[in-house]
Amino acid sequence: MLEAIAALFHATSVADLRDKTGSIFRSLGFQASYYIAPLSAERGPMRLMTNAGFPLEWETAYRATNNLYDPLPDIALSAAEPILWGHLPDNTLLQEDERHYLETLEAWNMQQGVGIVTYGPLSRLGFVGVGLPVTPEIGETPDIDLLRITAQTSFLRYCELIADEVGELPELSKRELEVLNRIAQGKSKTGIAREMQLSKDTVDTYFRRIYAKLDVSDRGAAVAKAVARGLMITGEAGISAVMMRRHRKASLPRPEDGD
């Protein structure tokens, strides 16, 4: 087993890494997995999801809307240890749409699984969900630690492979990085202008520069690429923002790119 885990560091591509990681998970009793990287502060398209073995119907629904309602990455992040999503911690607070999402998992035989947050260089975060267990009593398995080690090792190699693929880092100014971090926090252009004591026209200019340097066209893609390239640290501030949103009783409207 340890040789198989060590072999993850020699994966030659993301696809090869996914196959090797899935093979280890299967040997530990889990037939499917899904990966989110980067685990950014905001839910949605910026949390890039890869499915490896779960039903295609679930994947389609997840990409369409359920990525907004999946609470498992945030719960695992709060717990700071692997979670059994069929037996969530007693103090877990769920909004109605999150509770509904978890209830729908039974339709795909996904009501049992293990969620693991992974940590990479420059405070990058990822999430690995393993499921479709061979036996239903996964809470009794002695292999949670091996699942965690496998997920962590796989994510470290993933970060190395992505670093090789993305090429040279774009040079963003200190001011542009400040704006980018506020974009990641979901703040509107008006809010950013107020906080940084800038005119909205100046903030618009920063948005255009950031999009051009990162070769993207919207805020979600900008955040995803910035985290993947290590330009932005998904550290305590991002984690705090996630936890604050989890405990809100009502959802706030999301700012659009136009504001």
C-alpha atoms as a PDB file:
ATOM      1  CA  MET A   1       0.000   0.000   0.000  1.00  0.00           C
ATOM      2  CA  LEU A   2       2.746   2.470   0.928  1.00  0.00           C
ATOM      3  CA  GLU A   3       4.500   1.734  -2.375  1.00  0.00           C
ATOM      4  CA  ALA A   4       1.280   2.523  -4.247  1.00  0.00           C
ATOM      5  CA  ILE A   5       0.903   5.816  -2.366  1.00  0.00           C
ATOM      6  CA  ALA A   6       4.561   6.736  -3.012  1.00  0.00           C
ATOM      7  CA  ALA A   7       3.998   6.003  -6.716  1.00  0.00           C
ATOM      8  CA  LEU A   8       1.547   8.923  -6.838  1.00  0.00           C
ATOM      9  CA  PHE A   9       4.531  11.277  -6.845  1.00  0.00           C
ATOM     10  CA  HIS A  10       5.611   9.707 -10.145  1.00  0.00           C
ATOM     11  CA  ALA A  11       2.293  10.219 -11.941  1.00  0.00           C
ATOM     12  CA  THR A  12       3.052  11.714 -15.344  1.00  0.00           C
ATOM     13  CA  SER A  13      -0.230  13.596 -15.880  1.00  0.00           C
ATOM     14  CA  VAL A  14      -3.397  14.601 -14.057  1.00  0.00           C
ATOM     15  CA  ALA A  15      -5.238  11.720 -15.751  1.00  0.00           C
ATOM     16  CA  ASP A  16      -2.537   9.257 -14.703  1.00  0.00           C
ATOM     17  CA  LEU A  17      -2.678  10.642 -11.169  1.00  0.00           C
ATOM     18  CA  ARG A  18      -6.463  10.268 -11.053  1.00  0.00           C
ATOM     19  CA  ASP A  19      -6.230   6.644 -12.194  1.00  0.00           C
ATOM     20  CA  LYS A  20      -3.526   5.773  -9.649  1.00  0.00           C
ATOM     21  CA  THR A  21      -5.411   7.506  -6.839  1.00  0.00           C
ATOM     22  CA  GLY A  22      -8.664   5.776  -7.754  1.00  0.00           C
ATOM     23  CA  SER A  23      -6.919   2.409  -7.724  1.00  0.00           C
ATOM     24  CA  ILE A  24      -5.786   2.991  -4.129  1.00  0.00           C
ATOM     25  CA  PHE A  25      -9.262   4.114  -3.065  1.00  0.00           C
ATOM     26  CA  ARG A  26     -10.739   0.950  -4.584  1.00  0.00           C
ATOM     27  CA  SER A  27      -8.253  -1.183  -2.662  1.00  0.00           C
ATOM     28  CA  LEU A  28      -9.483   0.588   0.479  1.00  0.00           C
ATOM     29  CA  GLY A  29     -13.097  -0.272  -0.282  1.00  0.00           C
ATOM     30  CA  PHE A  30     -14.392   2.789  -2.189  1.00  0.00           C
ATOM     31  CA  GLN A  31     -15.420   2.563  -5.818  1.00  0.00           C
ATOM     32  CA  ALA A  32     -15.689   6.261  -6.725  1.00  0.00           C
ATOM     33  CA  SER A  33     -14.302   9.675  -5.888  1.00  0.00           C
ATOM     34  CA  TYR A  34     -14.718  13.327  -6.798  1.00  0.00           C
ATOM     35  CA  TYR A  35     -12.196  16.120  -6.547  1.00  0.00           C
ATOM     36  CA  ILE A  36     -12.542  19.871  -6.091  1.00  0.00           C
ATOM     37  CA  ALA A  37      -9.512  22.037  -6.758  1.00  0.00           C
ATOM     38  CA  PRO A  38      -9.062  24.771  -5.924  1.00  0.00           C
ATOM     39  CA  LEU A  39     -11.293  24.846  -2.840  1.00  0.00           C
ATOM     40  CA  SER A  40     -11.986  28.565  -3.135  1.00  0.00           C
ATOM     41  CA  ALA A  41     -14.029  30.672  -0.744  1.00  0.00           C
ATOM     42  CA  GLU A  42     -16.981  30.921  -3.128  1.00  0.00           C
ATOM     43  CA  ARG A  43     -19.042  27.953  -4.275  1.00  0.00           C
ATOM     44  CA  GLY A  44     -19.783  27.627  -7.952  1.00  0.00           C
ATOM     45  CA  PRO A  45     -17.824  27.191 -11.204  1.00  0.00           C
ATOM     46  CA  MET A  46     -14.574  28.428  -9.644  1.00  0.00           C
ATOM     47  CA  ARG A  47     -14.546  25.207  -7.611  1.00  0.00           C
ATOM     48  CA  LEU A  48     -13.457  22.924 -10.422  1.00  0.00           C
ATOM     49  CA  MET A  49     -14.896  19.409  -9.978  1.00  0.00           C
ATOM     50  CA  THR A  50     -13.585  16.151 -11.429  1.00  0.00           C
ATOM     51  CA  ASN A  51     -15.741  13.025 -11.209  1.00  0.00           C
ATOM     52  CA  ALA A  52     -14.130   9.594 -11.089  1.00  0.00           C
ATOM     53  CA  GLY A  53     -16.758   6.884 -10.888  1.00  0.00           C
ATOM     54  CA  PHE A  54     -19.897   8.502  -9.504  1.00  0.00           C
ATOM     55  CA  PRO A  55     -23.045   8.362 -11.712  1.00  0.00           C
ATOM     56  CA  LEU A  56     -23.041  10.657 -14.733  1.00  0.00           C
ATOM     57  CA  GLU A  57     -26.546  11.840 -13.779  1.00  0.00           C
ATOM     58  CA  TRP A  58     -25.152  13.121 -10.467  1.00  0.00           C
ATOM     59  CA  GLU A  59     -22.260  14.806 -12.288  1.00  0.00           C
ATOM     60  CA  THR A  60     -24.628  16.563 -14.692  1.00  0.00           C
ATOM     61  CA  ALA A  61     -26.815  17.836 -11.853  1.00  0.00           C
ATOM     62  CA  TYR A  62     -23.770  18.859  -9.843  1.00  0.00           C
ATOM     63  CA  ARG A  63     -22.284  20.920 -12.654  1.00  0.00           C
ATOM     64  CA  ALA A  64     -25.645  22.528 -13.424  1.00  0.00           C
ATOM     65  CA  THR A  65     -26.640  23.764  -9.960  1.00  0.00           C
ATOM     66  CA  ASN A  66     -25.738  21.383  -7.145  1.00  0.00           C
ATOM     67  CA  ASN A  67     -22.198  22.761  -6.879  1.00  0.00           C
ATOM     68  CA  LEU A  68     -23.871  25.729  -5.193  1.00  0.00           C
ATOM     69  CA  TYR A  69     -25.525  23.548  -2.545  1.00  0.00           C
ATOM     70  CA  ASP A  70     -22.904  20.904  -1.739  1.00  0.00           C
ATOM     71  CA  PRO A  71     -21.953  21.638   1.896  1.00  0.00           C
ATOM     72  CA  LEU A  72     -19.493  18.768   2.306  1.00  0.00           C
ATOM     73  CA  PRO A  73     -16.262  20.636   1.401  1.00  0.00           C
ATOM     74  CA  ASP A  74     -17.113  23.442   3.824  1.00  0.00           C
ATOM     75  CA  ILE A  75     -18.074  21.028   6.601  1.00  0.00           C
ATOM     76  CA  ALA A  76     -14.804  19.112   6.169  1.00  0.00           C
ATOM     77  CA  LEU A  77     -12.923  22.406   6.161  1.00  0.00           C
ATOM     78  CA  SER A  78     -14.570  23.408   9.430  1.00  0.00           C
ATOM     79  CA  ALA A  79     -13.913  20.017  11.023  1.00  0.00           C
ATOM     80  CA  ALA A  80     -10.238  20.026   9.907  1.00  0.00           C
ATOM     81  CA  GLU A  81     -10.414  16.224   9.662  1.00  0.00           C
ATOM     82  CA  PRO A  82     -12.114  13.650   7.431  1.00  0.00           C
ATOM     83  CA  ILE A  83     -15.896  13.595   7.753  1.00  0.00           C
ATOM     84  CA  LEU A  84     -18.345  10.758   7.175  1.00  0.00           C
ATOM     85  CA  TRP A  85     -21.061  12.462   5.169  1.00  0.00           C
ATOM     86  CA  GLY A  86     -23.590   9.847   6.169  1.00  0.00           C
ATOM     87  CA  HIS A  87     -22.956  10.773   9.826  1.00  0.00           C
ATOM     88  CA  LEU A  88     -22.201  14.489   9.945  1.00  0.00           C
ATOM     89  CA  PRO A  89     -21.027  16.141  13.188  1.00  0.00           C
ATOM     90  CA  ASP A  90     -23.880  16.923  15.586  1.00  0.00           C
ATOM     91  CA  ASN A  91     -23.154  20.664  15.499  1.00  0.00           C
ATOM     92  CA  THR A  92     -23.472  20.873  11.705  1.00  0.00           C
ATOM     93  CA  LEU A  93     -25.730  23.717  10.566  1.00  0.00           C
ATOM     94  CA  LEU A  94     -27.391  23.219   7.196  1.00  0.00           C
ATOM     95  CA  GLN A  95     -29.466  25.552   5.091  1.00  0.00           C
ATOM     96  CA  GLU A  96     -32.560  24.088   3.448  1.00  0.00           C
ATOM     97  CA  ASP A  97     -31.004  23.768  -0.011  1.00  0.00           C
ATOM     98  CA  GLU A  98     -27.944  22.061   1.489  1.00  0.00           C
ATOM     99  CA  ARG A  99     -30.121  19.600   3.385  1.00  0.00           C
ATOM    100  CA  HIS A 100     -32.076  18.880   0.201  1.00  0.00           C
ATOM    101  CA  TYR A 101     -28.853  18.223  -1.731  1.00  0.00           C
ATOM    102  CA  LEU A 102     -27.709  15.670   0.844  1.00  0.00           C
ATOM    103  CA  GLU A 103     -31.105  13.981   0.711  1.00  0.00           C
ATOM    104  CA  THR A 104     -30.884  13.642  -3.082  1.00  0.00           C
ATOM    105  CA  LEU A 105     -27.634  11.662  -2.774  1.00  0.00           C
ATOM    106  CA  GLU A 106     -29.624   8.559  -1.880  1.00  0.00           C
ATOM    107  CA  ALA A 107     -31.037   8.486  -5.411  1.00  0.00           C
ATOM    108  CA  TRP A 108     -27.510   7.853  -6.681  1.00  0.00           C
ATOM    109  CA  ASN A 109     -26.535   5.479  -3.835  1.00  0.00           C
ATOM    110  CA  MET A 110     -24.160   8.189  -2.601  1.00  0.00           C
ATOM    111  CA  GLN A 111     -25.523   8.625   0.918  1.00  0.00           C
ATOM    112  CA  GLN A 112     -22.322   7.211   2.460  1.00  0.00           C
ATOM    113  CA  GLY A 113     -18.819   8.537   1.914  1.00  0.00           C
ATOM    114  CA  VAL A 114     -15.757  10.228   3.339  1.00  0.00           C
ATOM    115  CA  GLY A 115     -14.878  13.887   2.715  1.00  0.00           C
ATOM    116  CA  ILE A 116     -11.267  15.026   3.072  1.00  0.00           C
ATOM    117  CA  VAL A 117      -9.742  18.510   2.798  1.00  0.00           C
ATOM    118  CA  THR A 118      -6.243  18.531   1.334  1.00  0.00           C
ATOM    119  CA  TYR A 119      -3.490  21.120   1.694  1.00  0.00           C
ATOM    120  CA  GLY A 120      -0.918  22.201  -0.866  1.00  0.00           C
ATOM    121  CA  PRO A 121       1.854  24.774  -1.353  1.00  0.00           C
ATOM    122  CA  LEU A 122       1.056  28.457  -0.912  1.00  0.00           C
ATOM    123  CA  SER A 123      -1.958  27.511   1.236  1.00  0.00           C
ATOM    124  CA  ARG A 124      -3.841  25.961  -1.664  1.00  0.00           C
ATOM    125  CA  LEU A 125      -6.791  23.848  -0.603  1.00  0.00           C
ATOM    126  CA  GLY A 126      -8.555  20.948  -2.264  1.00  0.00           C
ATOM    127  CA  PHE A 127     -11.312  18.498  -1.412  1.00  0.00           C
ATOM    128  CA  VAL A 128     -11.596  14.778  -2.074  1.00  0.00           C
ATOM    129  CA  GLY A 129     -14.872  12.909  -1.625  1.00  0.00           C
ATOM    130  CA  VAL A 130     -14.731   9.094  -1.765  1.00  0.00           C
ATOM    131  CA  GLY A 131     -17.880   7.029  -1.885  1.00  0.00           C
ATOM    132  CA  LEU A 132     -19.793   4.016  -3.186  1.00  0.00           C
ATOM    133  CA  PRO A 133     -18.291   1.877  -0.402  1.00  0.00           C
ATOM    134  CA  VAL A 134     -18.138  -1.871  -0.894  1.00  0.00           C
ATOM    135  CA  THR A 135     -19.470  -2.344   2.648  1.00  0.00           C
ATOM    136  CA  PRO A 136     -22.051  -0.015   4.249  1.00  0.00           C
ATOM    137  CA  GLU A 137     -20.370   0.270   7.671  1.00  0.00           C
ATOM    138  CA  ILE A 138     -17.649   2.684   6.619  1.00  0.00           C
ATOM    139  CA  GLY A 139     -17.618   4.223  10.089  1.00  0.00           C
ATOM    140  CA  GLU A 140     -15.972   1.047  11.339  1.00  0.00           C
ATOM    141  CA  THR A 141     -13.194   1.016   8.741  1.00  0.00           C
ATOM    142  CA  PRO A 142      -9.638   1.226  10.096  1.00  0.00           C
ATOM    143  CA  ASP A 143      -8.470   2.843   6.855  1.00  0.00           C
ATOM    144  CA  ILE A 144      -9.565   6.477   7.292  1.00  0.00           C
ATOM    145  CA  ASP A 145      -5.941   7.466   7.900  1.00  0.00           C
ATOM    146  CA  LEU A 146      -4.840   5.736   4.702  1.00  0.00           C
ATOM    147  CA  LEU A 147      -7.600   7.515   2.786  1.00  0.00           C
ATOM    148  CA  ARG A 148      -6.381  10.815   4.184  1.00  0.00           C
ATOM    149  CA  ILE A 149      -2.726  10.095   3.359  1.00  0.00           C
ATOM    150  CA  THR A 150      -3.665   9.037  -0.170  1.00  0.00           C
ATOM    151  CA  ALA A 151      -5.779  12.136  -0.767  1.00  0.00           C
ATOM    152  CA  GLN A 152      -3.087  14.452   0.603  1.00  0.00           C
ATOM    153  CA  THR A 153      -0.300  12.839  -1.424  1.00  0.00           C
ATOM    154  CA  SER A 154      -2.418  12.947  -4.564  1.00  0.00           C
ATOM    155  CA  PHE A 155      -3.175  16.645  -4.083  1.00  0.00           C
ATOM    156  CA  LEU A 156       0.488  17.523  -3.606  1.00  0.00           C
ATOM    157  CA  ARG A 157       1.344  15.791  -6.880  1.00  0.00           C
ATOM    158  CA  TYR A 158      -1.622  17.510  -8.534  1.00  0.00           C
ATOM    159  CA  CYS A 159      -0.238  20.895  -7.486  1.00  0.00           C
ATOM    160  CA  GLU A 160       3.146  19.965  -8.971  1.00  0.00           C
ATOM    161  CA  LEU A 161       1.584  18.862 -12.263  1.00  0.00           C
ATOM    162  CA  ILE A 162      -0.548  21.981 -12.518  1.00  0.00           C
ATOM    163  CA  ALA A 163       2.485  24.176 -11.818  1.00  0.00           C
ATOM    164  CA  ASP A 164       4.270  22.507 -14.737  1.00  0.00           C
ATOM    165  CA  GLU A 165       1.284  23.031 -17.045  1.00  0.00           C
ATOM    166  CA  VAL A 166       0.410  26.663 -16.333  1.00  0.00           C
ATOM    167  CA  GLY A 167       3.802  28.080 -17.281  1.00  0.00           C
ATOM    168  CA  GLU A 168       5.198  31.385 -16.105  1.00  0.00           C
ATOM    169  CA  LEU A 169       3.290  33.383 -13.521  1.00  0.00           C
ATOM    170  CA  PRO A 170       1.747  36.659 -14.686  1.00  0.00           C
ATOM    171  CA  GLU A 171       3.047  39.696 -12.885  1.00  0.00           C
ATOM    172  CA  LEU A 172       0.281  41.394 -10.941  1.00  0.00           C
ATOM    173  CA  SER A 173       0.942  44.582  -9.057  1.00  0.00           C
ATOM    174  CA  LYS A 174       0.337  44.821  -5.323  1.00  0.00           C
ATOM    175  CA  ARG A 175      -2.800  46.867  -6.008  1.00  0.00           C
ATOM    176  CA  GLU A 176      -4.071  44.319  -8.516  1.00  0.00           C
ATOM    177  CA  LEU A 177      -3.535  41.523  -5.995  1.00  0.00           C
ATOM    178  CA  GLU A 178      -5.485  43.503  -3.388  1.00  0.00           C
ATOM    179  CA  VAL A 179      -8.379  43.855  -5.830  1.00  0.00           C
ATOM    180  CA  LEU A 180      -8.138  40.176  -6.770  1.00  0.00           C
ATOM    181  CA  ASN A 181      -8.379  39.082  -3.140  1.00  0.00           C
ATOM    182  CA  ARG A 182     -11.506  41.199  -2.713  1.00  0.00           C
ATOM    183  CA  ILE A 183     -12.950  39.642  -5.864  1.00  0.00           C
ATOM    184  CA  ALA A 184     -12.370  36.228  -4.267  1.00  0.00           C
ATOM    185  CA  GLN A 185     -14.330  37.379  -1.214  1.00  0.00           C
ATOM    186  CA  GLY A 186     -17.340  38.056  -3.454  1.00  0.00           C
ATOM    187  CA  LYS A 187     -17.248  41.830  -3.035  1.00  0.00           C
ATOM    188  CA  SER A 188     -18.850  44.095  -5.632  1.00  0.00           C
ATOM    189  CA  LYS A 189     -16.954  46.723  -7.562  1.00  0.00           C
ATOM    190  CA  THR A 190     -18.727  49.377  -5.498  1.00  0.00           C
ATOM    191  CA  GLY A 191     -17.669  47.680  -2.271  1.00  0.00           C
ATOM    192  CA  ILE A 192     -14.083  47.303  -3.460  1.00  0.00           C
ATOM    193  CA  ALA A 193     -13.972  50.965  -4.455  1.00  0.00           C
ATOM    194  CA  ARG A 194     -15.271  52.010  -1.031  1.00  0.00           C
ATOM    195  CA  GLU A 195     -12.836  49.789   0.887  1.00  0.00           C
ATOM    196  CA  MET A 196      -9.798  50.819  -1.147  1.00  0.00           C
ATOM    197  CA  GLN A 197     -10.883  54.459  -1.385  1.00  0.00           C
ATOM    198  CA  LEU A 198     -10.813  54.376  -5.173  1.00  0.00           C
ATOM    199  CA  SER A 199     -13.262  55.516  -7.823  1.00  0.00           C
ATOM    200  CA  LYS A 200     -15.396  52.856  -9.467  1.00  0.00           C
ATOM    201  CA  ASP A 201     -13.767  53.717 -12.815  1.00  0.00           C
ATOM    202  CA  THR A 202     -10.366  52.922 -11.319  1.00  0.00           C
ATOM    203  CA  VAL A 203     -11.653  49.586  -9.997  1.00  0.00           C
ATOM    204  CA  ASP A 204     -13.054  48.850 -13.467  1.00  0.00           C
ATOM    205  CA  THR A 205      -9.574  49.437 -14.841  1.00  0.00           C
ATOM    206  CA  TYR A 206      -8.068  47.013 -12.328  1.00  0.00           C
ATOM    207  CA  PHE A 207     -10.652  44.383 -13.285  1.00  0.00           C
ATOM    208  CA  ARG A 208      -9.734  44.719 -16.967  1.00  0.00           C
ATOM    209  CA  ARG A 209      -6.002  44.485 -16.208  1.00  0.00           C
ATOM    210  CA  ILE A 210      -6.459  41.410 -14.013  1.00  0.00           C
ATOM    211  CA  TYR A 211      -8.635  39.661 -16.609  1.00  0.00           C
ATOM    212  CA  ALA A 212      -6.117  40.464 -19.363  1.00  0.00           C
ATOM    213  CA  LYS A 213      -3.092  39.256 -17.398  1.00  0.00           C
ATOM    214  CA  LEU A 214      -4.822  36.029 -16.352  1.00  0.00           C
ATOM    215  CA  ASP A 215      -6.414  35.570 -19.803  1.00  0.00           C
ATOM    216  CA  VAL A 216      -9.927  35.164 -18.371  1.00  0.00           C
ATOM    217  CA  SER A 217     -13.265  36.897 -18.881  1.00  0.00           C
ATOM    218  CA  ASP A 218     -15.040  36.685 -15.513  1.00  0.00           C
ATOM    219  CA  ARG A 219     -14.345  36.847 -11.798  1.00  0.00           C
ATOM    220  CA  GLY A 220     -14.866  33.123 -11.168  1.00  0.00           C
ATOM    221  CA  ALA A 221     -12.251  32.103 -13.725  1.00  0.00           C
ATOM    222  CA  ALA A 222      -9.881  34.784 -12.408  1.00  0.00           C
ATOM    223  CA  VAL A 223     -10.059  33.402  -8.864  1.00  0.00           C
ATOM    224  CA  ALA A 224      -9.690  29.781 -10.001  1.00  0.00           C
ATOM    225  CA  LYS A 225      -6.614  30.535 -12.108  1.00  0.00           C
ATOM    226  CA  ALA A 226      -5.066  32.765  -9.448  1.00  0.00           C
ATOM    227  CA  VAL A 227      -5.382  30.065  -6.787  1.00  0.00           C
ATOM    228  CA  ALA A 228      -4.105  27.365  -9.137  1.00  0.00           C
ATOM    229  CA  ARG A 229      -1.034  29.476  -9.912  1.00  0.00           C
ATOM    230  CA  GLY A 230      -0.398  30.374  -6.306  1.00  0.00           C
ATOM    231  CA  LEU A 231      -1.068  34.076  -6.859  1.00  0.00           C
ATOM    232  CA  MET A 232      -3.682  34.022  -4.141  1.00  0.00           C
ATOM    233  CA  ILE A 233      -3.493  32.319  -0.777  1.00  0.00           C
ATOM    234  CA  THR A 234      -6.643  30.514   0.314  1.00  0.00           C
ATOM    235  CA  GLY A 235      -5.730  31.033   3.939  1.00  0.00           C
ATOM    236  CA  GLU A 236      -7.467  32.009   7.146  1.00  0.00           C
ATOM    237  CA  ALA A 237      -9.349  34.945   5.671  1.00  0.00           C
ATOM    238  CA  GLY A 238     -10.951  32.718   3.054  1.00  0.00           C
ATOM    239  CA  ILE A 239     -11.715  30.033   5.601  1.00  0.00           C
ATOM    240  CA  SER A 240     -13.324  32.574   7.928  1.00  0.00           C
ATOM    241  CA  ALA A 241     -15.489  33.842   5.072  1.00  0.00           C
ATOM    242  CA  VAL A 242     -16.664  30.308   4.334  1.00  0.00           C
ATOM    243  CA  MET A 243     -17.554  29.688   7.964  1.00  0.00           C
ATOM    244  CA  MET A 244     -19.413  32.985   8.251  1.00  0.00           C
ATOM    245  CA  ARG A 245     -21.534  32.106   5.238  1.00  0.00           C
ATOM    246  CA  ARG A 246     -22.288  28.677   6.692  1.00  0.00           C
ATOM    247  CA  HIS A 247     -23.835  30.236   9.780  1.00  0.00           C
ATOM    248  CA  ARG A 248     -25.941  32.859   8.036  1.00  0.00           C
ATOM    249  CA  LYS A 249     -29.657  32.234   8.323  1.00  0.00           C
ATOM    250  CA  ALA A 250     -30.444  33.750   4.968  1.00  0.00           C
ATOM    251  CA  SER A 251     -28.450  33.813   1.767  1.00  0.00           C
ATOM    252  CA  LEU A 252     -27.362  37.183   0.405  1.00  0.00           C
ATOM    253  CA  PRO A 253     -27.569  37.919  -3.346  1.00  0.00           C
ATOM    254  CA  ARG A 254     -24.326  37.439  -5.206  1.00  0.00           C
ATOM    255  CA  PRO A 255     -22.768  40.442  -6.931  1.00  0.00           C
ATOM    256  CA  GLU A 256     -22.562  40.275 -10.697  1.00  0.00           C
ATOM    257  CA  ASP A 257     -19.506  41.254 -12.696  1.00  0.00           C
ATOM    258  CA  GLY A 258     -21.207  44.489 -13.619  1.00  0.00           C
ATOM    259  CA  ASP A 259     -21.045  45.685 -10.022  1.00  0.00           C
END
